[in-house]
């Protein structure tokens, strides 16, 4: 009888977001009789994925927020936690360069496998950039393994020489749920009161400045000036909701923007869309664009999004200039939006099938555990 191992994932929260969605995709698809995920969070409130985590057999633990003005409460709590739970022989941290702190504590506590995982291609600006650079030096001393969502994130957080060292863990998705279905499309457009002939431009992301929802509203206003039958569908929520609502009113777009909020059935909302927008200032390798492409959708993204996300040749990269976006989208609307019938096969061929990727990660965890831990089957 083989032993089931538990992996401790370290994050701030397990609310809906890019890294969290990626991690849940893997969690849903691993063999839970062999590998189980638990989570060490600094978010004190119950998280959006917490019910599902518990239903899958995982446990959520909490420690104080890491504050660099006084890091000792965090450090002491993580130390006490790991001493109390020696069963965790693999700690997998997703907190960018701040992973140096929990992985340092894990090293002090004798955890043999300490993984840092890069999810972003930006390290900030000014003092923030310097602090993260300094932490990055420390991180390389305390981590045993390096993972990344893509080349851009690897270069940003680890440096060029780690391109051959860091393990590429794709932001893989469930192809079965994302395949285009016209009947679902019609049902969703009826549900959302979308008229025939309306071009639905979608964004699936939290309401955060880096995602640039306000820019998307400016683009929609410019399209209206060009007499295009276009609407925006925002799937997500966040701290900027009031600012977004204020701008919708200021631009008189109340009848042209759908605020769907947080939803559990994102693939169904993708079916209702005609094109996906990502005007982010920067990204790692966004799960939402992999999902959009698997659904056969065209994508218009900013030049702050890594080009490696384009695995179907259906992504257009544009500078963040309103008229440039409006002209490009107006041309696409005029030509008529079409789904890529071979999109799922293209995304799978690029390595983004969660069924395959989760099996690789599962086997990697098992090998690391067996190579670094002596145990007896129970």
Protein backbone atom coordinates (compact mmCIF):
# COMPACT_ATOMS: atom_id res chain seq x y z
CA UNK A 1 0.00 0.00 0.00
CA UNK A 2 1.50 3.32 -1.02
CA UNK A 3 1.62 6.38 1.22
CA UNK A 4 -0.46 9.43 0.38
CA UNK A 5 1.69 12.57 0.67
CA UNK A 6 0.57 16.07 1.59
CA UNK A 7 1.97 19.18 -0.08
CA UNK A 8 1.87 22.51 1.75
CA UNK A 9 1.13 25.42 -0.60
CA UNK A 10 1.96 28.90 0.71
CA UNK A 11 -0.06 31.89 -0.58
CA UNK A 12 -1.69 35.05 0.68
CA UNK A 13 -5.23 33.87 -0.09
CA UNK A 14 -7.24 31.34 -2.07
CA UNK A 15 -9.68 33.84 -3.55
CA UNK A 16 -10.30 33.80 -7.28
CA UNK A 17 -7.23 35.02 -9.16
CA UNK A 18 -4.76 33.84 -11.77
CA UNK A 19 -2.32 31.87 -9.60
CA UNK A 20 -5.15 30.56 -7.44
CA UNK A 21 -7.17 29.41 -10.46
CA UNK A 22 -4.11 27.67 -11.88
CA UNK A 23 -3.47 25.90 -8.59
CA UNK A 24 -7.08 24.78 -8.26
CA UNK A 25 -7.00 23.37 -11.80
CA UNK A 26 -4.11 21.14 -10.76
CA UNK A 27 -5.70 20.29 -7.42
CA UNK A 28 -8.94 19.13 -9.04
CA UNK A 29 -7.07 16.79 -11.39
CA UNK A 30 -4.38 15.14 -9.30
CA UNK A 31 -4.96 11.69 -7.80
CA UNK A 32 -5.97 12.49 -4.23
CA UNK A 33 -5.16 8.96 -3.09
CA UNK A 34 -1.50 9.75 -3.85
CA UNK A 35 -1.11 13.51 -3.42
CA UNK A 36 -3.14 15.92 -1.30
CA UNK A 37 -2.86 19.72 -1.12
CA UNK A 38 -3.06 21.84 2.03
CA UNK A 39 -2.76 25.62 2.20
CA UNK A 40 -0.98 28.04 4.52
CA UNK A 41 -2.53 31.50 4.07
CA UNK A 42 -2.14 34.98 5.51
CA UNK A 43 -5.67 36.06 4.55
CA UNK A 44 -7.66 35.84 7.78
CA UNK A 45 -11.12 35.78 6.19
CA UNK A 46 -12.62 32.69 4.62
CA UNK A 47 -11.62 32.47 0.95
CA UNK A 48 -13.70 31.88 -2.15
CA UNK A 49 -12.11 28.51 -2.96
CA UNK A 50 -12.16 27.27 0.63
CA UNK A 51 -15.36 25.22 0.42
CA UNK A 52 -14.04 23.39 -2.64
CA UNK A 53 -10.64 22.82 -1.03
CA UNK A 54 -12.29 21.16 1.94
CA UNK A 55 -14.54 19.08 -0.31
CA UNK A 56 -11.43 17.76 -2.06
CA UNK A 57 -9.85 16.74 1.25
CA UNK A 58 -7.55 19.71 1.78
CA UNK A 59 -7.06 21.81 4.91
CA UNK A 60 -6.56 25.56 5.13
CA UNK A 61 -4.30 26.96 7.86
CA UNK A 62 -3.65 30.60 8.69
CA UNK A 63 -0.69 32.59 9.96
CA UNK A 64 -0.29 36.37 10.44
CA UNK A 65 0.29 38.64 7.47
CA UNK A 66 3.98 39.04 6.56
CA UNK A 67 4.89 42.66 7.33
CA UNK A 68 8.44 43.73 6.66
CA UNK A 69 8.11 46.42 9.35
CA UNK A 70 7.76 43.52 11.81
CA UNK A 71 8.17 40.07 10.19
CA UNK A 72 8.64 38.17 13.44
CA UNK A 73 4.98 37.25 14.13
CA UNK A 74 4.82 35.67 10.68
CA UNK A 75 8.20 33.94 11.01
CA UNK A 76 7.43 32.59 14.48
CA UNK A 77 4.01 31.27 13.48
CA UNK A 78 5.33 29.54 10.36
CA UNK A 79 8.14 27.99 12.42
CA UNK A 80 5.70 26.74 15.08
CA UNK A 81 3.40 25.39 12.39
CA UNK A 82 6.12 23.39 10.61
CA UNK A 83 7.46 22.03 13.91
CA UNK A 84 3.94 20.90 14.76
CA UNK A 85 3.44 19.36 11.29
CA UNK A 86 6.58 17.40 10.38
CA UNK A 87 4.54 15.47 7.77
CA UNK A 88 5.10 18.28 5.29
CA UNK A 89 8.28 17.32 3.44
CA UNK A 90 7.46 19.53 0.44
CA UNK A 91 6.62 23.23 0.82
CA UNK A 92 5.54 24.97 -2.39
CA UNK A 93 5.41 28.78 -2.17
CA UNK A 94 3.59 31.06 -4.63
CA UNK A 95 4.36 34.48 -3.11
CA UNK A 96 6.97 35.69 -5.65
CA UNK A 97 10.25 36.84 -4.08
CA UNK A 98 8.60 36.96 -0.64
CA UNK A 99 8.75 33.16 -0.85
CA UNK A 100 12.26 33.60 0.53
CA UNK A 101 10.84 34.06 4.03
CA UNK A 102 8.67 30.93 4.40
CA UNK A 103 11.20 28.82 2.50
CA UNK A 104 13.98 30.04 4.79
CA UNK A 105 11.87 29.02 7.79
CA UNK A 106 11.16 25.67 6.10
CA UNK A 107 14.90 25.14 5.60
CA UNK A 108 15.52 25.90 9.28
CA UNK A 109 12.83 23.36 10.18
CA UNK A 110 14.44 20.64 8.05
CA UNK A 111 11.93 20.54 5.18
CA UNK A 112 13.96 18.88 2.38
CA UNK A 113 12.00 20.08 -0.69
CA UNK A 114 11.34 23.83 -0.90
CA UNK A 115 9.73 25.08 -4.12
CA UNK A 116 9.31 28.67 -5.25
CA UNK A 117 6.88 29.33 -8.09
CA UNK A 118 6.94 32.48 -10.27
CA UNK A 119 3.56 33.62 -11.60
CA UNK A 120 4.33 37.18 -12.79
CA UNK A 121 6.60 38.88 -15.30
CA UNK A 122 6.88 42.17 -13.38
CA UNK A 123 8.84 42.91 -10.21
CA UNK A 124 7.43 46.39 -9.66
CA UNK A 125 9.19 49.75 -9.65
CA UNK A 126 11.42 51.86 -7.44
CA UNK A 127 11.85 50.69 -3.85
CA UNK A 128 9.51 47.75 -4.39
CA UNK A 129 11.69 46.52 -7.25
CA UNK A 130 14.86 46.86 -5.14
CA UNK A 131 13.33 44.98 -2.20
CA UNK A 132 12.17 42.16 -4.46
CA UNK A 133 15.59 42.01 -6.12
CA UNK A 134 17.25 41.68 -2.70
CA UNK A 135 14.77 39.01 -1.64
CA UNK A 136 15.42 37.21 -4.93
CA UNK A 137 19.08 36.78 -4.02
CA UNK A 138 18.08 35.25 -0.68
CA UNK A 139 15.41 33.12 -2.37
CA UNK A 140 18.02 31.36 -4.50
CA UNK A 141 19.85 30.35 -1.33
CA UNK A 142 16.88 28.77 0.43
CA UNK A 143 14.82 27.20 -2.39
CA UNK A 144 15.72 23.75 -3.65
CA UNK A 145 13.53 23.89 -6.78
CA UNK A 146 12.32 26.65 -9.08
CA UNK A 147 9.09 26.63 -11.06
CA UNK A 148 7.58 29.17 -13.43
CA UNK A 149 4.50 29.75 -15.59
CA UNK A 150 6.65 30.82 -18.53
CA UNK A 151 9.83 32.32 -19.90
CA UNK A 152 8.95 35.90 -18.96
CA UNK A 153 8.34 35.02 -15.32
CA UNK A 154 11.55 32.99 -15.20
CA UNK A 155 13.63 35.88 -16.53
CA UNK A 156 11.97 38.35 -14.19
CA UNK A 157 12.28 36.43 -10.92
CA UNK A 158 15.26 34.15 -11.41
CA UNK A 159 17.36 35.51 -14.29
CA UNK A 160 18.35 34.22 -17.71
CA UNK A 161 20.57 31.40 -16.45
CA UNK A 162 17.52 29.82 -14.79
CA UNK A 163 15.81 29.33 -18.15
CA UNK A 164 17.44 25.88 -18.22
CA UNK A 165 16.99 25.27 -14.49
CA UNK A 166 13.43 26.34 -13.67
CA UNK A 167 10.70 23.84 -14.41
CA UNK A 168 7.93 25.07 -16.71
CA UNK A 169 4.57 24.36 -15.09
CA UNK A 170 1.94 25.42 -17.64
CA UNK A 171 -1.17 27.28 -16.57
CA UNK A 172 -3.09 24.30 -17.87
CA UNK A 173 -6.87 24.12 -18.30
CA UNK A 174 -9.64 21.54 -18.62
CA UNK A 175 -10.19 21.08 -22.34
CA UNK A 176 -13.47 19.19 -21.91
CA UNK A 177 -15.16 22.11 -20.13
CA UNK A 178 -13.83 24.71 -22.57
CA UNK A 179 -14.72 23.22 -25.94
CA UNK A 180 -17.09 25.52 -27.85
CA UNK A 181 -20.79 24.61 -27.60
CA UNK A 182 -23.24 26.69 -29.63
CA UNK A 183 -26.24 25.58 -27.55
CA UNK A 184 -24.56 26.86 -24.37
CA UNK A 185 -23.69 30.08 -26.19
CA UNK A 186 -27.32 30.70 -27.16
CA UNK A 187 -28.55 29.92 -23.64
CA UNK A 188 -26.02 32.24 -22.01
CA UNK A 189 -26.71 35.11 -24.40
CA UNK A 190 -30.43 34.75 -23.67
CA UNK A 191 -29.69 34.74 -19.94
CA UNK A 192 -27.61 37.92 -20.28
CA UNK A 193 -30.17 39.61 -22.57
CA UNK A 194 -27.68 39.95 -25.41
CA UNK A 195 -29.22 40.91 -28.73
CA UNK A 196 -28.45 39.24 -32.04
CA UNK A 197 -25.66 41.12 -33.76
CA UNK A 198 -24.10 42.45 -30.54
CA UNK A 199 -20.36 41.82 -30.34
CA UNK A 200 -19.52 40.83 -26.76
CA UNK A 201 -16.03 41.78 -25.65
CA UNK A 202 -15.17 39.94 -22.46
CA UNK A 203 -12.72 40.35 -19.63
CA UNK A 204 -12.23 37.63 -17.00
CA UNK A 205 -10.17 39.07 -14.16
CA UNK A 206 -10.29 40.65 -10.75
CA UNK A 207 -11.01 44.38 -10.58
CA UNK A 208 -7.44 45.53 -9.99
CA UNK A 209 -5.47 48.45 -11.50
CA UNK A 210 -3.04 46.16 -13.31
CA UNK A 211 -5.93 44.62 -15.29
CA UNK A 212 -6.89 48.03 -16.76
CA UNK A 213 -10.70 47.77 -16.87
CA UNK A 214 -10.97 51.55 -17.13
CA UNK A 215 -8.99 51.46 -20.38
CA UNK A 216 -11.40 48.85 -21.73
CA UNK A 217 -14.28 51.22 -20.99
CA UNK A 218 -12.54 53.97 -22.96
CA UNK A 219 -12.15 51.54 -25.86
CA UNK A 220 -15.87 50.68 -25.71
CA UNK A 221 -16.76 54.39 -25.77
CA UNK A 222 -14.53 54.86 -28.82
CA UNK A 223 -16.23 51.93 -30.55
CA UNK A 224 -19.62 53.50 -29.85
CA UNK A 225 -18.38 56.65 -31.59
CA UNK A 226 -17.57 54.41 -34.56
CA UNK A 227 -21.18 53.10 -34.45
CA UNK A 228 -20.10 49.53 -33.63
CA UNK A 229 -22.64 47.22 -31.94
CA UNK A 230 -20.31 46.24 -29.11
CA UNK A 231 -20.77 45.54 -25.41
CA UNK A 232 -18.41 44.68 -22.56
CA UNK A 233 -18.90 41.69 -20.28
CA UNK A 234 -16.82 41.88 -17.09
CA UNK A 235 -16.51 38.59 -15.18
CA UNK A 236 -14.94 39.20 -11.78
CA UNK A 237 -15.00 41.63 -8.91
CA UNK A 238 -12.67 43.56 -6.64
CA UNK A 239 -11.76 46.81 -4.91
CA UNK A 240 -12.09 48.88 -8.10
CA UNK A 241 -15.77 48.05 -8.63
CA UNK A 242 -16.99 51.49 -7.51
CA UNK A 243 -14.48 53.24 -9.78
CA UNK A 244 -15.59 51.08 -12.70
CA UNK A 245 -19.24 51.79 -12.01
CA UNK A 246 -18.55 55.53 -11.81
CA UNK A 247 -16.76 55.49 -15.16
CA UNK A 248 -19.58 53.49 -16.77
CA UNK A 249 -21.97 56.25 -15.71
CA UNK A 250 -19.63 59.05 -16.76
CA UNK A 251 -19.34 57.55 -20.26
CA UNK A 252 -23.09 56.77 -20.44
CA UNK A 253 -22.39 53.07 -20.98
CA UNK A 254 -24.96 51.69 -18.53
CA UNK A 255 -26.72 49.76 -21.31
CA UNK A 256 -23.48 48.51 -22.83
CA UNK A 257 -21.62 46.91 -19.89
CA UNK A 258 -22.57 43.69 -18.10
CA UNK A 259 -21.08 43.21 -14.63
CA UNK A 260 -21.41 39.48 -14.04
CA UNK A 261 -19.49 39.48 -10.76
CA UNK A 262 -17.74 36.40 -9.40
CA UNK A 263 -18.99 33.24 -11.10
CA UNK A 264 -18.17 29.56 -10.75
CA UNK A 265 -19.00 28.70 -14.37
CA UNK A 266 -16.50 30.85 -16.27
CA UNK A 267 -16.47 28.51 -19.34
CA UNK A 268 -20.19 29.21 -19.87
CA UNK A 269 -19.54 32.96 -19.92
CA UNK A 270 -16.74 32.45 -22.45
CA UNK A 271 -19.26 30.75 -24.72
CA UNK A 272 -21.29 34.00 -24.77
CA UNK A 273 -18.31 36.14 -25.81
CA UNK A 274 -17.01 37.01 -29.27
CA UNK A 275 -13.56 38.34 -28.34
CA UNK A 276 -11.57 38.54 -25.10
CA UNK A 277 -9.68 41.65 -24.05
CA UNK A 278 -6.62 41.80 -21.78
CA UNK A 279 -5.29 45.38 -21.59
CA UNK A 280 -3.14 44.57 -18.54
CA UNK A 281 -0.05 46.62 -17.78
CA UNK A 282 1.77 43.33 -17.20
CA UNK A 283 1.03 39.63 -16.74
CA UNK A 284 2.79 36.34 -16.08
CA UNK A 285 1.10 33.82 -18.33
CA UNK A 286 -2.64 34.34 -17.75
CA UNK A 287 -4.83 31.28 -17.29
CA UNK A 288 -7.82 33.23 -18.58
CA UNK A 289 -6.23 33.69 -22.02
CA UNK A 290 -5.40 29.99 -22.27
CA UNK A 291 -9.05 29.26 -21.46
CA UNK A 292 -10.26 31.82 -23.99
CA UNK A 293 -8.13 30.32 -26.73
CA UNK A 294 -9.27 26.78 -25.90
CA UNK A 295 -12.82 28.04 -26.41
CA UNK A 296 -11.80 29.20 -29.90
CA UNK A 297 -12.00 32.91 -29.13
CA UNK A 298 -9.90 35.67 -30.61
CA UNK A 299 -7.95 37.73 -28.07
CA UNK A 300 -6.71 41.31 -28.08
CA UNK A 301 -3.98 41.83 -25.49
CA UNK A 302 -1.57 44.55 -24.47
CA UNK A 303 2.12 44.33 -25.18
CA UNK A 304 2.52 43.79 -21.42
CA UNK A 305 1.19 40.26 -21.88
CA UNK A 306 3.88 37.66 -22.79
CA UNK A 307 3.73 36.67 -26.45
CA UNK A 308 4.25 33.03 -25.48
CA UNK A 309 0.60 32.92 -24.37
CA UNK A 310 -0.40 32.93 -28.07
CA UNK A 311 -0.63 29.19 -28.74
CA UNK A 312 -3.39 29.38 -31.39
CA UNK A 313 -2.19 32.38 -33.43
CA UNK A 314 -5.47 34.06 -32.48
CA UNK A 315 -3.96 36.69 -30.16
CA UNK A 316 -3.37 40.27 -31.33
CA UNK A 317 -0.91 42.32 -29.26
CA UNK A 318 -1.39 46.10 -29.22
CA UNK A 319 0.12 49.09 -27.38
CA UNK A 320 -2.14 50.71 -24.80
CA UNK A 321 -3.60 53.40 -27.04
CA UNK A 322 -7.39 53.71 -27.12
CA UNK A 323 -7.72 54.54 -30.81
CA UNK A 324 -5.40 51.72 -31.83
CA UNK A 325 -7.55 49.23 -29.92
CA UNK A 326 -10.79 50.71 -31.19
CA UNK A 327 -9.64 50.61 -34.82
CA UNK A 328 -8.44 47.00 -34.50
CA UNK A 329 -11.65 45.84 -32.81
CA UNK A 330 -13.85 47.75 -35.24
CA UNK A 331 -12.14 45.94 -38.12
CA UNK A 332 -12.64 42.55 -36.40
CA UNK A 333 -16.31 43.32 -35.74
CA UNK A 334 -16.75 44.36 -39.35
CA UNK A 335 -15.23 41.12 -40.59
CA UNK A 336 -17.41 39.04 -38.27
CA UNK A 337 -16.13 37.06 -35.32
CA UNK A 338 -15.54 33.35 -35.89
CA UNK A 339 -14.53 30.56 -33.53
CA UNK A 340 -11.36 28.55 -34.24
CA UNK A 341 -12.67 25.01 -34.64
CA UNK A 342 -9.21 23.51 -34.04
CA UNK A 343 -8.44 25.61 -30.96
CA UNK A 344 -8.66 22.80 -28.40
CA UNK A 345 -6.19 20.67 -30.35
CA UNK A 346 -3.78 23.61 -30.64
CA UNK A 347 -3.91 24.39 -26.92
CA UNK A 348 -3.44 20.71 -26.02
CA UNK A 349 -0.47 20.39 -28.39
CA UNK A 350 1.16 23.38 -26.68
CA UNK A 351 1.13 21.49 -23.36
CA UNK A 352 -1.83 23.16 -21.65
CA UNK A 353 -4.03 20.10 -21.12
CA UNK A 354 -4.58 19.85 -17.34
CA UNK A 355 -5.08 16.08 -17.51
CA UNK A 356 -1.52 15.67 -18.78
CA UNK A 357 0.10 18.51 -16.83
CA UNK A 358 -1.40 17.45 -13.48
CA UNK A 359 -0.10 13.92 -13.94
CA UNK A 360 3.40 15.31 -14.52
CA UNK A 361 3.23 17.43 -11.35
CA UNK A 362 1.86 14.52 -9.34
CA UNK A 363 4.72 12.27 -10.44
CA UNK A 364 7.25 15.04 -9.72
CA UNK A 365 5.96 15.43 -6.17
CA UNK A 366 6.08 11.68 -5.60
CA UNK A 367 9.65 11.40 -6.87
CA UNK A 368 10.86 14.34 -4.78
CA UNK A 369 9.19 12.90 -1.70
CA UNK A 370 10.67 9.44 -2.24
CA UNK A 371 14.14 10.81 -3.04
CA UNK A 372 14.24 13.10 -0.01
CA UNK A 373 12.28 11.26 2.67
CA UNK A 374 12.59 7.90 4.32
CA UNK A 375 9.24 6.55 5.40
CA UNK A 376 7.41 3.30 5.99
CA UNK A 377 4.13 2.48 4.29
CA UNK A 378 1.26 2.62 6.71
